[in-house]
Amino acid sequence: MLHVSADETVESTWQDYANCLGVDPDLFFPERGASTREAKEVCRGCVVREDCLEYALANGEKFGIWGGMSERERRRIRRQRALARAAASAG
């Protein structure tokens, strides 16, 4: 149990506000070829969806649904961002 004295504060993180808090994590890591629809439905309308997605992109998460996106969708974003960085540095 975490004990916090009256003069200490516990810093909240984006995870504390996620729609998926308390949801079975297996939902977000479906078997290969299984539907991701239910997991993405949990993400839809989540107030920290962008934070979750950016966390996954920054940490190279290769599996599961993060920020409402699959591994393939996140790979596409990483590729687009790399191309944009390359174009910006070349110009």
PDB file of N, CA and C in Angstrom:
ATOM      1  N   MET A   1       0.835  -1.185   0.000  1.00  0.00           N
ATOM      2  CA  MET A   1       0.000   0.000   0.000  1.00  0.00           C
ATOM      3  C   MET A   1       0.880   1.249   0.000  1.00  0.00           C
ATOM      4  N   LEU A   2       0.537   2.196  -0.818  1.00  0.00           N
ATOM      5  CA  LEU A   2       1.290   3.440  -0.919  1.00  0.00           C
ATOM      6  C   LEU A   2       0.798   4.412   0.134  1.00  0.00           C
ATOM      7  N   HIS A   3       1.705   4.891   0.969  1.00  0.00           N
ATOM      8  CA  HIS A   3       1.335   5.872   1.983  1.00  0.00           C
ATOM      9  C   HIS A   3       1.882   7.228   1.550  1.00  0.00           C
ATOM     10  N   VAL A   4       1.003   8.199   1.507  1.00  0.00           N
ATOM     11  CA  VAL A   4       1.398   9.549   1.118  1.00  0.00           C
ATOM     12  C   VAL A   4       1.027  10.484   2.256  1.00  0.00           C
ATOM     13  N   SER A   5       2.000  11.233   2.738  1.00  0.00           N
ATOM     14  CA  SER A   5       1.711  12.193   3.806  1.00  0.00           C
ATOM     15  C   SER A   5       0.980  13.399   3.231  1.00  0.00           C
ATOM     16  N   ALA A   6       0.403  14.200   4.092  1.00  0.00           N
ATOM     17  CA  ALA A   6      -0.411  15.335   3.664  1.00  0.00           C
ATOM     18  C   ALA A   6       0.364  16.349   2.832  1.00  0.00           C
ATOM     19  N   ASP A   7       1.672  16.459   3.049  1.00  0.00           N
ATOM     20  CA  ASP A   7       2.441  17.458   2.306  1.00  0.00           C
ATOM     21  C   ASP A   7       3.066  16.910   1.020  1.00  0.00           C
ATOM     22  N   GLU A   8       2.811  15.648   0.705  1.00  0.00           N
ATOM     23  CA  GLU A   8       3.310  15.046  -0.533  1.00  0.00           C
ATOM     24  C   GLU A   8       2.182  14.984  -1.552  1.00  0.00           C
ATOM     25  N   THR A   9       2.555  15.043  -2.812  1.00  0.00           N
ATOM     26  CA  THR A   9       1.551  14.881  -3.858  1.00  0.00           C
ATOM     27  C   THR A   9       1.955  13.714  -4.735  1.00  0.00           C
ATOM     28  N   VAL A  10       0.970  13.005  -5.212  1.00  0.00           N
ATOM     29  CA  VAL A  10       1.212  11.914  -6.144  1.00  0.00           C
ATOM     30  C   VAL A  10       0.908  12.464  -7.531  1.00  0.00           C
ATOM     31  N   GLU A  11       1.889  12.416  -8.395  1.00  0.00           N
ATOM     32  CA  GLU A  11       1.718  12.964  -9.736  1.00  0.00           C
ATOM     33  C   GLU A  11       0.912  12.007 -10.594  1.00  0.00           C
ATOM     34  N   SER A  12      -0.121  12.514 -11.221  1.00  0.00           N
ATOM     35  CA  SER A  12      -0.935  11.701 -12.125  1.00  0.00           C
ATOM     36  C   SER A  12      -0.229  11.610 -13.471  1.00  0.00           C
ATOM     37  N   THR A  13      -0.442  10.520 -14.137  1.00  0.00           N
ATOM     38  CA  THR A  13       0.093  10.351 -15.484  1.00  0.00           C
ATOM     39  C   THR A  13      -1.084  10.144 -16.432  1.00  0.00           C
ATOM     40  N   TRP A  14      -0.813  10.188 -17.710  1.00  0.00           N
ATOM     41  CA  TRP A  14      -1.890  10.010 -18.676  1.00  0.00           C
ATOM     42  C   TRP A  14      -2.586   8.672 -18.486  1.00  0.00           C
ATOM     43  N   GLN A  15      -1.845   7.652 -18.027  1.00  0.00           N
ATOM     44  CA  GLN A  15      -2.433   6.330 -17.838  1.00  0.00           C
ATOM     45  C   GLN A  15      -3.588   6.343 -16.835  1.00  0.00           C
ATOM     46  N   ASP A  16      -3.526   7.259 -15.870  1.00  0.00           N
ATOM     47  CA  ASP A  16      -4.577   7.346 -14.849  1.00  0.00           C
ATOM     48  C   ASP A  16      -5.929   7.751 -15.436  1.00  0.00           C
ATOM     49  N   TYR A  17      -5.931   8.307 -16.639  1.00  0.00           N
ATOM     50  CA  TYR A  17      -7.158   8.806 -17.254  1.00  0.00           C
ATOM     51  C   TYR A  17      -7.601   7.967 -18.455  1.00  0.00           C
ATOM     52  N   ALA A  18      -6.914   6.876 -18.705  1.00  0.00           N
ATOM     53  CA  ALA A  18      -7.185   6.055 -19.885  1.00  0.00           C
ATOM     54  C   ALA A  18      -8.482   5.260 -19.759  1.00  0.00           C
ATOM     55  N   ASN A  19      -9.217   5.176 -20.860  1.00  0.00           N
ATOM     56  CA  ASN A  19     -10.440   4.367 -20.905  1.00  0.00           C
ATOM     57  C   ASN A  19     -10.157   2.904 -20.593  1.00  0.00           C
ATOM     58  N   CYS A  20      -8.949   2.447 -20.895  1.00  0.00           N
ATOM     59  CA  CYS A  20      -8.621   1.030 -20.748  1.00  0.00           C
ATOM     60  C   CYS A  20      -8.221   0.655 -19.323  1.00  0.00           C
ATOM     61  N   LEU A  21      -8.150   1.619 -18.441  1.00  0.00           N
ATOM     62  CA  LEU A  21      -7.786   1.345 -17.052  1.00  0.00           C
ATOM     63  C   LEU A  21      -8.775   0.330 -16.475  1.00  0.00           C
ATOM     64  N   GLY A  22      -8.259  -0.811 -16.059  1.00  0.00           N
ATOM     65  CA  GLY A  22      -9.104  -1.851 -15.487  1.00  0.00           C
ATOM     66  C   GLY A  22      -9.672  -2.840 -16.493  1.00  0.00           C
ATOM     67  N   VAL A  23      -9.436  -2.600 -17.791  1.00  0.00           N
ATOM     68  CA  VAL A  23      -9.904  -3.518 -18.832  1.00  0.00           C
ATOM     69  C   VAL A  23      -8.863  -4.629 -18.995  1.00  0.00           C
ATOM     70  N   ASP A  24      -9.306  -5.829 -19.289  1.00  0.00           N
ATOM     71  CA  ASP A  24      -8.402  -6.964 -19.480  1.00  0.00           C
ATOM     72  C   ASP A  24      -7.374  -6.630 -20.564  1.00  0.00           C
ATOM     73  N   PRO A  25      -6.086  -6.626 -20.218  1.00  0.00           N
ATOM     74  CA  PRO A  25      -5.045  -6.274 -21.196  1.00  0.00           C
ATOM     75  C   PRO A  25      -5.029  -7.194 -22.422  1.00  0.00           C
ATOM     76  N   ASP A  26      -5.488  -8.419 -22.270  1.00  0.00           N
ATOM     77  CA  ASP A  26      -5.507  -9.341 -23.413  1.00  0.00           C
ATOM     78  C   ASP A  26      -6.329  -8.797 -24.574  1.00  0.00           C
ATOM     79  N   LEU A  27      -7.308  -7.952 -24.276  1.00  0.00           N
ATOM     80  CA  LEU A  27      -8.135  -7.353 -25.320  1.00  0.00           C
ATOM     81  C   LEU A  27      -7.277  -6.532 -26.282  1.00  0.00           C
ATOM     82  N   PHE A  28      -6.211  -5.923 -25.761  1.00  0.00           N
ATOM     83  CA  PHE A  28      -5.366  -5.034 -26.556  1.00  0.00           C
ATOM     84  C   PHE A  28      -4.190  -5.748 -27.219  1.00  0.00           C
ATOM     85  N   PHE A  29      -4.081  -7.044 -26.970  1.00  0.00           N
ATOM     86  CA  PHE A  29      -3.027  -7.856 -27.578  1.00  0.00           C
ATOM     87  C   PHE A  29      -3.658  -9.104 -28.189  1.00  0.00           C
ATOM     88  N   PRO A  30      -4.505  -8.900 -29.219  1.00  0.00           N
ATOM     89  CA  PRO A  30      -5.205 -10.039 -29.824  1.00  0.00           C
ATOM     90  C   PRO A  30      -4.250 -10.975 -30.562  1.00  0.00           C
ATOM     91  N   GLU A  31      -4.676 -12.206 -30.689  1.00  0.00           N
ATOM     92  CA  GLU A  31      -3.906 -13.190 -31.457  1.00  0.00           C
ATOM     93  C   GLU A  31      -3.786 -12.703 -32.896  1.00  0.00           C
ATOM     94  N   ARG A  32      -2.731 -13.139 -33.561  1.00  0.00           N
ATOM     95  CA  ARG A  32      -2.503 -12.750 -34.954  1.00  0.00           C
ATOM     96  C   ARG A  32      -3.743 -13.083 -35.796  1.00  0.00           C
ATOM     97  N   GLY A  33      -4.223 -12.092 -36.518  1.00  0.00           N
ATOM     98  CA  GLY A  33      -5.378 -12.287 -37.385  1.00  0.00           C
ATOM     99  C   GLY A  33      -6.721 -12.071 -36.691  1.00  0.00           C
ATOM    100  N   ALA A  34      -6.722 -11.937 -35.372  1.00  0.00           N
ATOM    101  CA  ALA A  34      -7.970 -11.713 -34.646  1.00  0.00           C
ATOM    102  C   ALA A  34      -8.393 -10.249 -34.774  1.00  0.00           C
ATOM    103  N   SER A  35      -9.641  -9.989 -34.515  1.00  0.00           N
ATOM    104  CA  SER A  35     -10.187  -8.639 -34.642  1.00  0.00           C
ATOM    105  C   SER A  35      -9.615  -7.685 -33.585  1.00  0.00           C
ATOM    106  N   THR A  36      -9.372  -6.465 -34.008  1.00  0.00           N
ATOM    107  CA  THR A  36      -8.905  -5.417 -33.097  1.00  0.00           C
ATOM    108  C   THR A  36     -10.032  -4.436 -32.802  1.00  0.00           C
ATOM    109  N   ARG A  37     -11.209  -4.714 -33.343  1.00  0.00           N
ATOM    110  CA  ARG A  37     -12.341  -3.786 -33.250  1.00  0.00           C
ATOM    111  C   ARG A  37     -12.721  -3.437 -31.807  1.00  0.00           C
ATOM    112  N   GLU A  38     -12.833  -4.438 -30.942  1.00  0.00           N
ATOM    113  CA  GLU A  38     -13.231  -4.172 -29.551  1.00  0.00           C
ATOM    114  C   GLU A  38     -12.220  -3.280 -28.836  1.00  0.00           C
ATOM    115  N   ALA A  39     -10.948  -3.560 -29.029  1.00  0.00           N
ATOM    116  CA  ALA A  39      -9.906  -2.753 -28.387  1.00  0.00           C
ATOM    117  C   ALA A  39      -9.967  -1.321 -28.899  1.00  0.00           C
ATOM    118  N   LYS A  40     -10.102  -1.161 -30.199  1.00  0.00           N
ATOM    119  CA  LYS A  40     -10.158   0.177 -30.782  1.00  0.00           C
ATOM    120  C   LYS A  40     -11.404   0.921 -30.324  1.00  0.00           C
ATOM    121  N   GLU A  41     -12.478   0.188 -30.055  1.00  0.00           N
ATOM    122  CA  GLU A  41     -13.709   0.802 -29.549  1.00  0.00           C
ATOM    123  C   GLU A  41     -13.483   1.384 -28.151  1.00  0.00           C
ATOM    124  N   VAL A  42     -12.690   0.698 -27.319  1.00  0.00           N
ATOM    125  CA  VAL A  42     -12.354   1.211 -25.989  1.00  0.00           C
ATOM    126  C   VAL A  42     -11.558   2.511 -26.133  1.00  0.00           C
ATOM    127  N   CYS A  43     -10.670   2.548 -27.118  1.00  0.00           N
ATOM    128  CA  CYS A  43      -9.818   3.723 -27.334  1.00  0.00           C
ATOM    129  C   CYS A  43     -10.596   4.918 -27.886  1.00  0.00           C
ATOM    130  N   ARG A  44     -11.649   4.641 -28.631  1.00  0.00           N
ATOM    131  CA  ARG A  44     -12.406   5.718 -29.263  1.00  0.00           C
ATOM    132  C   ARG A  44     -12.956   6.644 -28.182  1.00  0.00           C
ATOM    133  N   GLY A  45     -12.700   7.903 -28.309  1.00  0.00           N
ATOM    134  CA  GLY A  45     -13.208   8.871 -27.343  1.00  0.00           C
ATOM    135  C   GLY A  45     -12.383   8.977 -26.064  1.00  0.00           C
ATOM    136  N   CYS A  46     -11.296   8.240 -25.968  1.00  0.00           N
ATOM    137  CA  CYS A  46     -10.450   8.310 -24.775  1.00  0.00           C
ATOM    138  C   CYS A  46      -9.734   9.657 -24.750  1.00  0.00           C
ATOM    139  N   VAL A  47      -9.752  10.300 -23.592  1.00  0.00           N
ATOM    140  CA  VAL A  47      -9.165  11.645 -23.495  1.00  0.00           C
ATOM    141  C   VAL A  47      -7.643  11.644 -23.600  1.00  0.00           C
ATOM    142  N   VAL A  48      -7.013  10.491 -23.400  1.00  0.00           N
ATOM    143  CA  VAL A  48      -5.544  10.429 -23.477  1.00  0.00           C
ATOM    144  C   VAL A  48      -5.071   9.563 -24.647  1.00  0.00           C
ATOM    145  N   ARG A  49      -5.926   9.412 -25.629  1.00  0.00           N
ATOM    146  CA  ARG A  49      -5.599   8.575 -26.787  1.00  0.00           C
ATOM    147  C   ARG A  49      -4.303   9.021 -27.472  1.00  0.00           C
ATOM    148  N   GLU A  50      -4.151  10.328 -27.680  1.00  0.00           N
ATOM    149  CA  GLU A  50      -2.938  10.852 -28.336  1.00  0.00           C
ATOM    150  C   GLU A  50      -1.698  10.589 -27.489  1.00  0.00           C
ATOM    151  N   ASP A  51      -1.814  10.762 -26.164  1.00  0.00           N
ATOM    152  CA  ASP A  51      -0.681  10.499 -25.270  1.00  0.00           C
ATOM    153  C   ASP A  51      -0.265   9.032 -25.359  1.00  0.00           C
ATOM    154  N   CYS A  52      -1.254   8.160 -25.394  1.00  0.00           N
ATOM    155  CA  CYS A  52      -1.005   6.723 -25.486  1.00  0.00           C
ATOM    156  C   CYS A  52      -0.285   6.385 -26.795  1.00  0.00           C
ATOM    157  N   LEU A  53      -0.793   6.941 -27.884  1.00  0.00           N
ATOM    158  CA  LEU A  53      -0.181   6.700 -29.194  1.00  0.00           C
ATOM    159  C   LEU A  53       1.253   7.215 -29.221  1.00  0.00           C
ATOM    160  N   GLU A  54       1.467   8.428 -28.722  1.00  0.00           N
ATOM    161  CA  GLU A  54       2.822   8.987 -28.723  1.00  0.00           C
ATOM    162  C   GLU A  54       3.761   8.167 -27.840  1.00  0.00           C
ATOM    163  N   TYR A  55       3.254   7.660 -26.726  1.00  0.00           N
ATOM    164  CA  TYR A  55       4.057   6.790 -25.853  1.00  0.00           C
ATOM    165  C   TYR A  55       4.507   5.556 -26.640  1.00  0.00           C
ATOM    166  N   ALA A  56       3.567   4.931 -27.334  1.00  0.00           N
ATOM    167  CA  ALA A  56       3.884   3.726 -28.104  1.00  0.00           C
ATOM    168  C   ALA A  56       4.896   4.022 -29.207  1.00  0.00           C
ATOM    169  N   LEU A  57       4.730   5.149 -29.882  1.00  0.00           N
ATOM    170  CA  LEU A  57       5.664   5.519 -30.951  1.00  0.00           C
ATOM    171  C   LEU A  57       7.046   5.819 -30.388  1.00  0.00           C
ATOM    172  N   ALA A  58       7.098   6.555 -29.294  1.00  0.00           N
ATOM    173  CA  ALA A  58       8.381   6.931 -28.692  1.00  0.00           C
ATOM    174  C   ALA A  58       9.123   5.736 -28.115  1.00  0.00           C
ATOM    175  N   ASN A  59       8.380   4.732 -27.666  1.00  0.00           N
ATOM    176  CA  ASN A  59       8.997   3.577 -27.025  1.00  0.00           C
ATOM    177  C   ASN A  59       9.073   2.350 -27.929  1.00  0.00           C
ATOM    178  N   GLY A  60       8.733   2.524 -29.193  1.00  0.00           N
ATOM    179  CA  GLY A  60       8.865   1.442 -30.160  1.00  0.00           C
ATOM    180  C   GLY A  60       8.009   0.221 -29.849  1.00  0.00           C
ATOM    181  N   GLU A  61       6.815   0.453 -29.291  1.00  0.00           N
ATOM    182  CA  GLU A  61       5.924  -0.674 -29.001  1.00  0.00           C
ATOM    183  C   GLU A  61       5.587  -1.383 -30.311  1.00  0.00           C
ATOM    184  N   LYS A  62       5.914  -2.654 -30.379  1.00  0.00           N
ATOM    185  CA  LYS A  62       5.711  -3.405 -31.611  1.00  0.00           C
ATOM    186  C   LYS A  62       4.446  -4.257 -31.584  1.00  0.00           C
ATOM    187  N   PHE A  63       3.839  -4.413 -30.424  1.00  0.00           N
ATOM    188  CA  PHE A  63       2.675  -5.286 -30.308  1.00  0.00           C
ATOM    189  C   PHE A  63       1.515  -4.563 -29.660  1.00  0.00           C
ATOM    190  N   GLY A  64       0.318  -4.980 -30.004  1.00  0.00           N
ATOM    191  CA  GLY A  64      -0.877  -4.494 -29.342  1.00  0.00           C
ATOM    192  C   GLY A  64      -1.466  -3.233 -29.937  1.00  0.00           C
ATOM    193  N   ILE A  65      -2.606  -2.865 -29.371  1.00  0.00           N
ATOM    194  CA  ILE A  65      -3.319  -1.656 -29.762  1.00  0.00           C
ATOM    195  C   ILE A  65      -2.939  -0.563 -28.772  1.00  0.00           C
ATOM    196  N   TRP A  66      -2.425   0.527 -29.282  1.00  0.00           N
ATOM    197  CA  TRP A  66      -2.024   1.686 -28.471  1.00  0.00           C
ATOM    198  C   TRP A  66      -2.608   2.916 -29.135  1.00  0.00           C
ATOM    199  N   GLY A  67      -3.277   3.743 -28.374  1.00  0.00           N
ATOM    200  CA  GLY A  67      -3.852   4.953 -28.947  1.00  0.00           C
ATOM    201  C   GLY A  67      -4.824   4.663 -30.069  1.00  0.00           C
ATOM    202  N   GLY A  68      -5.451   3.504 -30.011  1.00  0.00           N
ATOM    203  CA  GLY A  68      -6.434   3.140 -31.025  1.00  0.00           C
ATOM    204  C   GLY A  68      -5.837   2.666 -32.334  1.00  0.00           C
ATOM    205  N   MET A  69      -4.530   2.386 -32.343  1.00  0.00           N
ATOM    206  CA  MET A  69      -3.883   1.959 -33.584  1.00  0.00           C
ATOM    207  C   MET A  69      -3.138   0.651 -33.412  1.00  0.00           C
ATOM    208  N   SER A  70      -3.153  -0.121 -34.479  1.00  0.00           N
ATOM    209  CA  SER A  70      -2.461  -1.409 -34.505  1.00  0.00           C
ATOM    210  C   SER A  70      -0.983  -1.213 -34.793  1.00  0.00           C
ATOM    211  N   GLU A  71      -0.237  -2.299 -34.706  1.00  0.00           N
ATOM    212  CA  GLU A  71       1.198  -2.248 -35.024  1.00  0.00           C
ATOM    213  C   GLU A  71       1.420  -1.723 -36.438  1.00  0.00           C
ATOM    214  N   ARG A  72       0.640  -2.216 -37.388  1.00  0.00           N
ATOM    215  CA  ARG A  72       0.784  -1.811 -38.797  1.00  0.00           C
ATOM    216  C   ARG A  72       0.517  -0.311 -38.961  1.00  0.00           C
ATOM    217  N   GLU A  73      -0.521   0.174 -38.303  1.00  0.00           N
ATOM    218  CA  GLU A  73      -0.862   1.599 -38.403  1.00  0.00           C
ATOM    219  C   GLU A  73       0.233   2.469 -37.777  1.00  0.00           C
ATOM    220  N   ARG A  74       0.796   2.015 -36.662  1.00  0.00           N
ATOM    221  CA  ARG A  74       1.889   2.783 -36.031  1.00  0.00           C
ATOM    222  C   ARG A  74       3.144   2.754 -36.884  1.00  0.00           C
ATOM    223  N   ARG A  75       3.421   1.642 -37.538  1.00  0.00           N
ATOM    224  CA  ARG A  75       4.575   1.559 -38.447  1.00  0.00           C
ATOM    225  C   ARG A  75       4.442   2.593 -39.557  1.00  0.00           C
ATOM    226  N   ARG A  76       3.231   2.737 -40.081  1.00  0.00           N
ATOM    227  CA  ARG A  76       2.974   3.703 -41.153  1.00  0.00           C
ATOM    228  C   ARG A  76       3.264   5.129 -40.659  1.00  0.00           C
ATOM    229  N   ILE A  77       2.849   5.443 -39.446  1.00  0.00           N
ATOM    230  CA  ILE A  77       3.107   6.775 -38.871  1.00  0.00           C
ATOM    231  C   ILE A  77       4.603   6.996 -38.699  1.00  0.00           C
ATOM    232  N   ARG A  78       5.309   5.993 -38.168  1.00  0.00           N
ATOM    233  CA  ARG A  78       6.772   6.127 -37.991  1.00  0.00           C
ATOM    234  C   ARG A  78       7.462   6.368 -39.330  1.00  0.00           C
ATOM    235  N   ARG A  79       7.023   5.648 -40.346  1.00  0.00           N
ATOM    236  CA  ARG A  79       7.607   5.801 -41.686  1.00  0.00           C
ATOM    237  C   ARG A  79       7.345   7.206 -42.224  1.00  0.00           C
ATOM    238  N   GLN A  80       6.101   7.690 -42.084  1.00  0.00           N
ATOM    239  CA  GLN A  80       5.755   9.032 -42.561  1.00  0.00           C
ATOM    240  C   GLN A  80       6.559  10.096 -41.837  1.00  0.00           C
ATOM    241  N   ARG A  81       6.733   9.933 -40.527  1.00  0.00           N
ATOM    242  CA  ARG A  81       7.492  10.912 -39.762  1.00  0.00           C
ATOM    243  C   ARG A  81       8.963  10.890 -40.142  1.00  0.00           C
ATOM    244  N   ALA A  82       9.508   9.709 -40.402  1.00  0.00           N
ATOM    245  CA  ALA A  82      10.914   9.606 -40.810  1.00  0.00           C
ATOM    246  C   ALA A  82      11.112  10.285 -42.158  1.00  0.00           C
ATOM    247  N   LEU A  83      10.180  10.080 -43.085  1.00  0.00           N
ATOM    248  CA  LEU A  83      10.272  10.730 -44.391  1.00  0.00           C
ATOM    249  C   LEU A  83      10.168  12.244 -44.256  1.00  0.00           C
ATOM    250  N   ALA A  84       9.289  12.710 -43.382  1.00  0.00           N
ATOM    251  CA  ALA A  84       9.141  14.150 -43.169  1.00  0.00           C
ATOM    252  C   ALA A  84      10.408  14.756 -42.565  1.00  0.00           C
ATOM    253  N   ARG A  85      11.023  14.025 -41.617  1.00  0.00           N
ATOM    254  CA  ARG A  85      12.284  14.513 -41.023  1.00  0.00           C
ATOM    255  C   ARG A  85      13.390  14.563 -42.077  1.00  0.00           C
ATOM    256  N   ALA A  86      13.457  13.526 -42.907  1.00  0.00           N
ATOM    257  CA  ALA A  86      14.486  13.481 -43.954  1.00  0.00           C
ATOM    258  C   ALA A  86      14.298  14.638 -44.937  1.00  0.00           C
ATOM    259  N   ALA A  87      13.062  14.904 -45.308  1.00  0.00           N
ATOM    260  CA  ALA A  87      12.768  15.991 -46.233  1.00  0.00           C
ATOM    261  C   ALA A  87      13.112  17.345 -45.599  1.00  0.00           C
ATOM    262  N   ALA A  88      12.834  17.498 -44.320  1.00  0.00           N
ATOM    263  CA  ALA A  88      13.102  18.760 -43.636  1.00  0.00           C
ATOM    264  C   ALA A  88      14.611  19.006 -43.505  1.00  0.00           C
ATOM    265  N   SER A  89      15.372  17.936 -43.244  1.00  0.00           N
ATOM    266  CA  SER A  89      16.801  18.113 -43.090  1.00  0.00           C
ATOM    267  C   SER A  89      17.509  18.283 -44.433  1.00  0.00           C
ATOM    268  N   ALA A  90      16.894  17.785 -45.493  1.00  0.00           N
ATOM    269  CA  ALA A  90      17.491  17.923 -46.818  1.00  0.00           C
ATOM    270  C   ALA A  90      17.227  19.310 -47.417  1.00  0.00           C
ATOM    271  N   GLY A  91      16.160  19.937 -46.926  1.00  0.00           N
ATOM    272  CA  GLY A  91      15.777  21.229 -47.524  1.00  0.00           C
ATOM    273  C   GLY A  91      16.353  22.355 -46.818  1.00  0.00           C
TER     274      GLY A  91
END
